[in-house]
PDB file of N, CA and C in Angstrom:
ATOM      1  N   MET A   1    -104.642-103.608  29.925  1.00  0.00           N
ATOM      2  CA  MET A   1    -105.393-104.846  29.809  1.00  0.00           C
ATOM      3  C   MET A   1    -106.310-104.767  28.589  1.00  0.00           C
ATOM      4  N   LYS A   2    -106.319-105.830  27.820  1.00  0.00           N
ATOM      5  CA  LYS A   2    -107.245-105.911  26.689  1.00  0.00           C
ATOM      6  C   LYS A   2    -108.578-106.454  27.169  1.00  0.00           C
ATOM      7  N   GLN A   3    -109.623-106.026  26.492  1.00  0.00           N
ATOM      8  CA  GLN A   3    -110.962-106.528  26.760  1.00  0.00           C
ATOM      9  C   GLN A   3    -111.542-107.060  25.453  1.00  0.00           C
ATOM     10  N   VAL A   4    -112.134-108.239  25.524  1.00  0.00           N
ATOM     11  CA  VAL A   4    -112.768-108.866  24.370  1.00  0.00           C
ATOM     12  C   VAL A   4    -114.267-108.911  24.655  1.00  0.00           C
ATOM     13  N   TYR A   5    -115.024-108.153  23.873  1.00  0.00           N
ATOM     14  CA  TYR A   5    -116.476-108.094  24.028  1.00  0.00           C
ATOM     15  C   TYR A   5    -117.116-109.024  22.999  1.00  0.00           C
ATOM     16  N   VAL A   6    -117.889-109.982  23.483  1.00  0.00           N
ATOM     17  CA  VAL A   6    -118.572-110.929  22.607  1.00  0.00           C
ATOM     18  C   VAL A   6    -120.071-110.677  22.746  1.00  0.00           C
ATOM     19  N   CYS A   7    -120.674-110.199  21.670  1.00  0.00           N
ATOM     20  CA  CYS A   7    -122.093-109.847  21.699  1.00  0.00           C
ATOM     21  C   CYS A   7    -122.955-111.053  22.053  1.00  0.00           C
ATOM     22  N   GLN A   8    -123.911-110.830  22.947  1.00  0.00           N
ATOM     23  CA  GLN A   8    -124.840-111.880  23.364  1.00  0.00           C
ATOM     24  C   GLN A   8    -126.286-111.444  23.143  1.00  0.00           C
ATOM     25  N   HIS A   9    -126.501-110.630  22.119  1.00  0.00           N
ATOM     26  CA  HIS A   9    -127.846-110.178  21.799  1.00  0.00           C
ATOM     27  C   HIS A   9    -128.480-111.135  20.793  1.00  0.00           C
ATOM     28  N   VAL A  10    -129.744-110.955  20.531  1.00  0.00           N
ATOM     29  CA  VAL A  10    -130.577-111.885  19.776  1.00  0.00           C
ATOM     30  C   VAL A  10    -129.948-112.381  18.475  1.00  0.00           C
ATOM     31  N   ASN A  11    -129.597-111.477  17.570  1.00  0.00           N
ATOM     32  CA  ASN A  11    -129.074-111.920  16.270  1.00  0.00           C
ATOM     33  C   ASN A  11    -127.732-112.621  16.395  1.00  0.00           C
ATOM     34  N   CYS A  12    -126.865-112.123  17.246  1.00  0.00           N
ATOM     35  CA  CYS A  12    -125.576-112.793  17.436  1.00  0.00           C
ATOM     36  C   CYS A  12    -125.772-114.167  18.082  1.00  0.00           C
ATOM     37  N   LEU A  13    -126.705-114.258  19.010  1.00  0.00           N
ATOM     38  CA  LEU A  13    -126.974-115.560  19.630  1.00  0.00           C
ATOM     39  C   LEU A  13    -127.418-116.582  18.590  1.00  0.00           C
ATOM     40  N   ARG A  14    -128.189-116.135  17.602  1.00  0.00           N
ATOM     41  CA  ARG A  14    -128.599-117.034  16.515  1.00  0.00           C
ATOM     42  C   ARG A  14    -127.403-117.537  15.713  1.00  0.00           C
ATOM     43  N   ASN A  15    -126.318-116.771  15.753  1.00  0.00           N
ATOM     44  CA  ASN A  15    -125.104-117.127  15.021  1.00  0.00           C
ATOM     45  C   ASN A  15    -124.028-117.710  15.943  1.00  0.00           C
ATOM     46  N   ARG A  16    -124.470-118.331  17.023  1.00  0.00           N
ATOM     47  CA  ARG A  16    -123.606-119.111  17.924  1.00  0.00           C
ATOM     48  C   ARG A  16    -122.673-118.269  18.789  1.00  0.00           C
ATOM     49  N   SER A  17    -123.066-117.042  19.093  1.00  0.00           N
ATOM     50  CA  SER A  17    -122.183-116.197  19.899  1.00  0.00           C
ATOM     51  C   SER A  17    -121.988-116.731  21.317  1.00  0.00           C
ATOM     52  N   GLU A  18    -122.945-117.469  21.829  1.00  0.00           N
ATOM     53  CA  GLU A  18    -122.750-118.063  23.159  1.00  0.00           C
ATOM     54  C   GLU A  18    -121.598-119.067  23.121  1.00  0.00           C
ATOM     55  N   GLU A  19    -121.516-119.836  22.034  1.00  0.00           N
ATOM     56  CA  GLU A  19    -120.405-120.782  21.873  1.00  0.00           C
ATOM     57  C   GLU A  19    -119.079-120.039  21.663  1.00  0.00           C
ATOM     58  N   VAL A  20    -119.131-118.913  20.956  1.00  0.00           N
ATOM     59  CA  VAL A  20    -117.929-118.093  20.766  1.00  0.00           C
ATOM     60  C   VAL A  20    -117.432-117.591  22.120  1.00  0.00           C
ATOM     61  N   LEU A  21    -118.343-117.092  22.936  1.00  0.00           N
ATOM     62  CA  LEU A  21    -117.990-116.627  24.282  1.00  0.00           C
ATOM     63  C   LEU A  21    -117.363-117.761  25.089  1.00  0.00           C
ATOM     64  N   GLN A  22    -117.962-118.928  25.061  1.00  0.00           N
ATOM     65  CA  GLN A  22    -117.429-120.074  25.809  1.00  0.00           C
ATOM     66  C   GLN A  22    -116.044-120.471  25.317  1.00  0.00           C
ATOM     67  N   ALA A  23    -115.820-120.376  24.012  1.00  0.00           N
ATOM     68  CA  ALA A  23    -114.503-120.712  23.458  1.00  0.00           C
ATOM     69  C   ALA A  23    -113.444-119.735  23.962  1.00  0.00           C
ATOM     70  N   PHE A  24    -113.764-118.436  24.011  1.00  0.00           N
ATOM     71  CA  PHE A  24    -112.822-117.459  24.565  1.00  0.00           C
ATOM     72  C   PHE A  24    -112.576-117.736  26.047  1.00  0.00           C
ATOM     73  N   GLN A  25    -113.628-118.042  26.780  1.00  0.00           N
ATOM     74  CA  GLN A  25    -113.488-118.303  28.214  1.00  0.00           C
ATOM     75  C   GLN A  25    -112.664-119.558  28.484  1.00  0.00           C
ATOM     76  N   ALA A  26    -112.648-120.487  27.548  1.00  0.00           N
ATOM     77  CA  ALA A  26    -111.880-121.724  27.704  1.00  0.00           C
ATOM     78  C   ALA A  26    -110.391-121.520  27.436  1.00  0.00           C
ATOM     79  N   CYS A  27    -110.016-120.339  26.924  1.00  0.00           N
ATOM     80  CA  CYS A  27    -108.613-120.014  26.604  1.00  0.00           C
ATOM     81  C   CYS A  27    -108.178-118.804  27.406  1.00  0.00           C
ATOM     82  N   PRO A  28    -108.091-118.909  28.724  1.00  0.00           N
ATOM     83  CA  PRO A  28    -107.715-117.715  29.495  1.00  0.00           C
ATOM     84  C   PRO A  28    -106.313-117.228  29.129  1.00  0.00           C
ATOM     85  N   ILE A  29    -106.199-115.908  28.996  1.00  0.00           N
ATOM     86  CA  ILE A  29    -104.940-115.271  28.620  1.00  0.00           C
ATOM     87  C   ILE A  29    -104.652-114.186  29.655  1.00  0.00           C
ATOM     88  N   PRO A  30    -103.411-114.126  30.147  1.00  0.00           N
ATOM     89  CA  PRO A  30    -103.080-113.060  31.093  1.00  0.00           C
ATOM     90  C   PRO A  30    -103.347-111.682  30.476  1.00  0.00           C
ATOM     91  N   ASP A  31    -103.875-110.798  31.275  1.00  0.00           N
ATOM     92  CA  ASP A  31    -104.145-109.412  30.877  1.00  0.00           C
ATOM     93  C   ASP A  31    -105.194-109.276  29.786  1.00  0.00           C
ATOM     94  N   VAL A  32    -106.058-110.274  29.633  1.00  0.00           N
ATOM     95  CA  VAL A  32    -107.182-110.207  28.692  1.00  0.00           C
ATOM     96  C   VAL A  32    -108.449-110.589  29.443  1.00  0.00           C
ATOM     97  N   GLU A  33    -109.424-109.695  29.412  1.00  0.00           N
ATOM     98  CA  GLU A  33    -110.714-109.935  30.055  1.00  0.00           C
ATOM     99  C   GLU A  33    -111.751-110.201  28.966  1.00  0.00           C
ATOM    100  N   VAL A  34    -112.481-111.298  29.091  1.00  0.00           N
ATOM    101  CA  VAL A  34    -113.531-111.654  28.137  1.00  0.00           C
ATOM    102  C   VAL A  34    -114.868-111.264  28.749  1.00  0.00           C
ATOM    103  N   ILE A  35    -115.662-110.498  27.986  1.00  0.00           N
ATOM    104  CA  ILE A  35    -116.903-109.932  28.513  1.00  0.00           C
ATOM    105  C   ILE A  35    -118.061-110.279  27.589  1.00  0.00           C
ATOM    106  N   ALA A  36    -119.140-110.787  28.165  1.00  0.00           N
ATOM    107  CA  ALA A  36    -120.388-110.974  27.423  1.00  0.00           C
ATOM    108  C   ALA A  36    -121.038-109.607  27.306  1.00  0.00           C
ATOM    109  N   SER A  37    -121.223-109.125  26.086  1.00  0.00           N
ATOM    110  CA  SER A  37    -121.720-107.763  25.915  1.00  0.00           C
ATOM    111  C   SER A  37    -123.167-107.738  25.437  1.00  0.00           C
ATOM    112  N   VAL A  38    -123.748-106.577  25.589  1.00  0.00           N
ATOM    113  CA  VAL A  38    -125.061-106.299  25.007  1.00  0.00           C
ATOM    114  C   VAL A  38    -124.839-106.029  23.524  1.00  0.00           C
ATOM    115  N   CYS A  39    -125.890-105.704  22.819  1.00  0.00           N
ATOM    116  CA  CYS A  39    -125.814-105.456  21.381  1.00  0.00           C
ATOM    117  C   CYS A  39    -124.751-104.400  21.073  1.00  0.00           C
ATOM    118  N   GLN A  40    -123.932-104.688  20.072  1.00  0.00           N
ATOM    119  CA  GLN A  40    -122.890-103.759  19.638  1.00  0.00           C
ATOM    120  C   GLN A  40    -123.267-103.041  18.346  1.00  0.00           C
ATOM    121  N   GLY A  41    -124.516-103.246  17.900  1.00  0.00           N
ATOM    122  CA  GLY A  41    -125.029-102.513  16.756  1.00  0.00           C
ATOM    123  C   GLY A  41    -124.603-103.042  15.398  1.00  0.00           C
ATOM    124  N   GLN A  42    -124.128-104.254  15.350  1.00  0.00           N
ATOM    125  CA  GLN A  42    -123.690-104.856  14.086  1.00  0.00           C
ATOM    126  C   GLN A  42    -124.451-106.160  13.840  1.00  0.00           C
ATOM    127  N   CYS A  43    -125.751-106.103  14.025  1.00  0.00           N
ATOM    128  CA  CYS A  43    -126.587-107.298  14.066  1.00  0.00           C
ATOM    129  C   CYS A  43    -126.509-108.171  12.812  1.00  0.00           C
ATOM    130  N   ASN A  44    -126.351-107.571  11.665  1.00  0.00           N
ATOM    131  CA  ASN A  44    -126.321-108.364  10.440  1.00  0.00           C
ATOM    132  C   ASN A  44    -124.961-109.032  10.218  1.00  0.00           C
ATOM    133  N   MET A  45    -123.999-108.796  11.100  1.00  0.00           N
ATOM    134  CA  MET A  45    -122.647-109.327  10.929  1.00  0.00           C
ATOM    135  C   MET A  45    -122.232-110.260  12.068  1.00  0.00           C
ATOM    136  N   GLY A  46    -123.203-110.765  12.829  1.00  0.00           N
ATOM    137  CA  GLY A  46    -122.897-111.581  14.002  1.00  0.00           C
ATOM    138  C   GLY A  46    -122.363-112.950  13.654  1.00  0.00           C
ATOM    139  N   ALA A  47    -121.694-113.520  14.531  1.00  0.00           N
ATOM    140  CA  ALA A  47    -121.408-113.066  15.879  1.00  0.00           C
ATOM    141  C   ALA A  47    -120.296-112.010  15.844  1.00  0.00           C
ATOM    142  N   THR A  48    -120.501-110.955  16.619  1.00  0.00           N
ATOM    143  CA  THR A  48    -119.581-109.829  16.643  1.00  0.00           C
ATOM    144  C   THR A  48    -118.678-109.901  17.868  1.00  0.00           C
ATOM    145  N   VAL A  49    -117.379-109.657  17.636  1.00  0.00           N
ATOM    146  CA  VAL A  49    -116.384-109.615  18.704  1.00  0.00           C
ATOM    147  C   VAL A  49    -115.597-108.316  18.529  1.00  0.00           C
ATOM    148  N   ARG A  50    -115.449-107.578  19.618  1.00  0.00           N
ATOM    149  CA  ARG A  50    -114.695-106.317  19.592  1.00  0.00           C
ATOM    150  C   ARG A  50    -113.568-106.401  20.610  1.00  0.00           C
ATOM    151  N   VAL A  51    -112.369-106.024  20.186  1.00  0.00           N
ATOM    152  CA  VAL A  51    -111.205-106.053  21.065  1.00  0.00           C
ATOM    153  C   VAL A  51    -110.784-104.618  21.361  1.00  0.00           C
ATOM    154  N   LEU A  52    -110.768-104.270  22.637  1.00  0.00           N
ATOM    155  CA  LEU A  52    -110.333-102.952  23.094  1.00  0.00           C
ATOM    156  C   LEU A  52    -109.080-103.109  23.936  1.00  0.00           C
ATOM    157  N   PRO A  53    -108.183-102.183  23.987  1.00  0.00           N
ATOM    158  CA  PRO A  53    -108.253-100.846  23.414  1.00  0.00           C
ATOM    159  C   PRO A  53    -107.864-100.789  21.938  1.00  0.00           C
ATOM    160  N   ASP A  54    -107.626-101.930  21.305  1.00  0.00           N
ATOM    161  CA  ASP A  54    -107.200-101.949  19.899  1.00  0.00           C
ATOM    162  C   ASP A  54    -108.275-101.438  18.940  1.00  0.00           C
ATOM    163  N   ASN A  55    -109.528-101.433  19.401  1.00  0.00           N
ATOM    164  CA  ASN A  55    -110.680-101.052  18.588  1.00  0.00           C
ATOM    165  C   ASN A  55    -110.755-101.864  17.289  1.00  0.00           C
ATOM    166  N   ILE A  56    -110.548-103.151  17.434  1.00  0.00           N
ATOM    167  CA  ILE A  56    -110.659-104.094  16.315  1.00  0.00           C
ATOM    168  C   ILE A  56    -112.009-104.783  16.415  1.00  0.00           C
ATOM    169  N   TRP A  57    -112.726-104.772  15.290  1.00  0.00           N
ATOM    170  CA  TRP A  57    -114.040-105.411  15.204  1.00  0.00           C
ATOM    171  C   TRP A  57    -113.948-106.640  14.302  1.00  0.00           C
ATOM    172  N   TYR A  58    -114.355-107.773  14.850  1.00  0.00           N
ATOM    173  CA  TYR A  58    -114.446-109.002  14.071  1.00  0.00           C
ATOM    174  C   TYR A  58    -115.915-109.305  13.815  1.00  0.00           C
ATOM    175  N   CYS A  59    -116.198-109.873  12.656  1.00  0.00           N
ATOM    176  CA  CYS A  59    -117.580-110.211  12.331  1.00  0.00           C
ATOM    177  C   CYS A  59    -117.683-111.657  11.853  1.00  0.00           C
ATOM    178  N   ARG A  60    -118.907-112.161  11.983  1.00  0.00           N
ATOM    179  CA  ARG A  60    -119.216-113.540  11.573  1.00  0.00           C
ATOM    180  C   ARG A  60    -118.254-114.538  12.205  1.00  0.00           C
ATOM    181  N   VAL A  61    -117.907-114.268  13.457  1.00  0.00           N
ATOM    182  CA  VAL A  61    -116.985-115.137  14.188  1.00  0.00           C
ATOM    183  C   VAL A  61    -117.716-116.418  14.588  1.00  0.00           C
ATOM    184  N   LYS A  62    -117.045-117.526  14.369  1.00  0.00           N
ATOM    185  CA  LYS A  62    -117.558-118.841  14.758  1.00  0.00           C
ATOM    186  C   LYS A  62    -116.657-119.397  15.861  1.00  0.00           C
ATOM    187  N   PRO A  63    -117.178-120.328  16.644  1.00  0.00           N
ATOM    188  CA  PRO A  63    -116.349-120.873  17.731  1.00  0.00           C
ATOM    189  C   PRO A  63    -114.991-121.383  17.245  1.00  0.00           C
ATOM    190  N   GLU A  64    -114.962-121.955  16.050  1.00  0.00           N
ATOM    191  CA  GLU A  64    -113.693-122.492  15.537  1.00  0.00           C
ATOM    192  C   GLU A  64    -112.699-121.398  15.137  1.00  0.00           C
ATOM    193  N   ASP A  65    -113.129-120.133  15.092  1.00  0.00           N
ATOM    194  CA  ASP A  65    -112.235-119.009  14.792  1.00  0.00           C
ATOM    195  C   ASP A  65    -111.506-118.484  16.032  1.00  0.00           C
ATOM    196  N   VAL A  66    -111.989-118.834  17.185  1.00  0.00           N
ATOM    197  CA  VAL A  66    -111.479-118.236  18.423  1.00  0.00           C
ATOM    198  C   VAL A  66    -109.997-118.535  18.643  1.00  0.00           C
ATOM    199  N   ALA A  67    -109.565-119.763  18.416  1.00  0.00           N
ATOM    200  CA  ALA A  67    -108.152-120.106  18.636  1.00  0.00           C
ATOM    201  C   ALA A  67    -107.237-119.240  17.778  1.00  0.00           C
ATOM    202  N   GLU A  68    -107.654-118.939  16.554  1.00  0.00           N
ATOM    203  CA  GLU A  68    -106.862-118.097  15.660  1.00  0.00           C
ATOM    204  C   GLU A  68    -106.792-116.653  16.184  1.00  0.00           C
ATOM    205  N   ILE A  69    -107.920-116.127  16.666  1.00  0.00           N
ATOM    206  CA  ILE A  69    -107.935-114.772  17.235  1.00  0.00           C
ATOM    207  C   ILE A  69    -107.043-114.718  18.480  1.00  0.00           C
ATOM    208  N   VAL A  70    -107.157-115.727  19.320  1.00  0.00           N
ATOM    209  CA  VAL A  70    -106.345-115.771  20.541  1.00  0.00           C
ATOM    210  C   VAL A  70    -104.865-115.783  20.195  1.00  0.00           C
ATOM    211  N   GLN A  71    -104.462-116.668  19.309  1.00  0.00           N
ATOM    212  CA  GLN A  71    -103.040-116.795  18.977  1.00  0.00           C
ATOM    213  C   GLN A  71    -102.508-115.579  18.227  1.00  0.00           C
ATOM    214  N   GLU A  72    -103.153-115.240  17.120  1.00  0.00           N
ATOM    215  CA  GLU A  72    -102.616-114.198  16.250  1.00  0.00           C
ATOM    216  C   GLU A  72    -102.800-112.781  16.811  1.00  0.00           C
ATOM    217  N   HIS A  73    -103.973-112.493  17.347  1.00  0.00           N
ATOM    218  CA  HIS A  73    -104.228-111.121  17.808  1.00  0.00           C
ATOM    219  C   HIS A  73    -103.840-110.938  19.275  1.00  0.00           C
ATOM    220  N   LEU A  74    -104.423-111.742  20.138  1.00  0.00           N
ATOM    221  CA  LEU A  74    -104.251-111.497  21.572  1.00  0.00           C
ATOM    222  C   LEU A  74    -102.854-111.849  22.078  1.00  0.00           C
ATOM    223  N   LYS A  75    -102.221-112.848  21.464  1.00  0.00           N
ATOM    224  CA  LYS A  75    -100.864-113.226  21.898  1.00  0.00           C
ATOM    225  C   LYS A  75     -99.776-112.578  21.047  1.00  0.00           C
ATOM    226  N   GLU A  76     -99.981-112.507  19.717  1.00  0.00           N
ATOM    227  CA  GLU A  76     -98.933-112.015  18.823  1.00  0.00           C
ATOM    228  C   GLU A  76     -99.147-110.571  18.365  1.00  0.00           C
ATOM    229  N   GLY A  77    -100.332-110.003  18.629  1.00  0.00           N
ATOM    230  CA  GLY A  77    -100.574-108.602  18.312  1.00  0.00           C
ATOM    231  C   GLY A  77    -100.966-108.306  16.877  1.00  0.00           C
ATOM    232  N   GLU A  78    -101.277-109.324  16.087  1.00  0.00           N
ATOM    233  CA  GLU A  78    -101.661-109.126  14.686  1.00  0.00           C
ATOM    234  C   GLU A  78    -103.127-109.497  14.488  1.00  0.00           C
ATOM    235  N   PRO A  79    -103.983-108.541  14.162  1.00  0.00           N
ATOM    236  CA  PRO A  79    -105.397-108.867  13.928  1.00  0.00           C
ATOM    237  C   PRO A  79    -105.556-109.900  12.813  1.00  0.00           C
ATOM    238  N   VAL A  80    -106.613-110.675  12.919  1.00  0.00           N
ATOM    239  CA  VAL A  80    -106.917-111.717  11.937  1.00  0.00           C
ATOM    240  C   VAL A  80    -107.668-111.060  10.781  1.00  0.00           C
ATOM    241  N   ASP A  81    -106.965-110.836   9.695  1.00  0.00           N
ATOM    242  CA  ASP A  81    -107.475-110.068   8.571  1.00  0.00           C
ATOM    243  C   ASP A  81    -108.789-110.613   8.011  1.00  0.00           C
ATOM    244  N   ARG A  82    -108.904-111.897   7.853  1.00  0.00           N
ATOM    245  CA  ARG A  82    -110.084-112.478   7.199  1.00  0.00           C
ATOM    246  C   ARG A  82    -111.372-112.292   8.005  1.00  0.00           C
ATOM    247  N   LEU A  83    -111.253-111.970   9.291  1.00  0.00           N
ATOM    248  CA  LEU A  83    -112.432-111.795  10.136  1.00  0.00           C
ATOM    249  C   LEU A  83    -112.749-110.332  10.446  1.00  0.00           C
ATOM    250  N   LEU A  84    -111.929-109.403   9.945  1.00  0.00           N
ATOM    251  CA  LEU A  84    -112.165-107.988  10.223  1.00  0.00           C
ATOM    252  C   LEU A  84    -113.478-107.524   9.599  1.00  0.00           C
ATOM    253  N   HIS A  85    -114.197-106.708  10.339  1.00  0.00           N
ATOM    254  CA  HIS A  85    -115.467-106.154   9.861  1.00  0.00           C
ATOM    255  C   HIS A  85    -115.163-105.223   8.685  1.00  0.00           C
ATOM    256  N   PRO A  86    -115.685-105.500   7.479  1.00  0.00           N
ATOM    257  CA  PRO A  86    -115.298-104.724   6.302  1.00  0.00           C
ATOM    258  C   PRO A  86    -115.763-103.265   6.304  1.00  0.00           C
ATOM    259  N   ARG A  87    -116.833-102.948   6.996  1.00  0.00           N
ATOM    260  CA  ARG A  87    -117.297-101.560   7.045  1.00  0.00           C
ATOM    261  C   ARG A  87    -116.432-100.738   7.990  1.00  0.00           C
ATOM    262  N   ILE A  88    -115.974-101.351   9.056  1.00  0.00           N
ATOM    263  CA  ILE A  88    -115.181-100.649  10.065  1.00  0.00           C
ATOM    264  C   ILE A  88    -113.709-100.649   9.697  1.00  0.00           C
ATOM    265  N   HIS A  89    -113.262-101.714   9.058  1.00  0.00           N
ATOM    266  CA  HIS A  89    -111.860-101.859   8.652  1.00  0.00           C
ATOM    267  C   HIS A  89    -111.800-102.077   7.142  1.00  0.00           C
ATOM    268  N   PRO A  90    -112.084-101.032   6.349  1.00  0.00           N
ATOM    269  CA  PRO A  90    -112.067-101.217   4.883  1.00  0.00           C
ATOM    270  C   PRO A  90    -110.665-101.531   4.386  1.00  0.00           C
ATOM    271  N   ARG A  91    -110.617-102.303   3.324  1.00  0.00           N
ATOM    272  CA  ARG A  91    -109.305-102.693   2.773  1.00  0.00           C
ATOM    273  C   ARG A  91    -109.006-101.892   1.544  1.00  0.00           C
TER     274      ARG A  91
END
């Protein structure tokens, strides 16, 4: 089962992470659990979304990005390159 952690800490909340969480919750996917998380330590890159067990970190995620993450990553298995955290996933 995949788990999608959506940070709900102060800085991410300022960057609409609550709306990001709601967007994920509005797109239920079999075998994917969406979790409101505590701070993930990437405060300057919020809203932060982490997908496990893939260990993929997305940064600066906006609610309108969620459909793309759901389709490309969670359904098709291909991470969304433009949203990958550059420090964690250097190119």
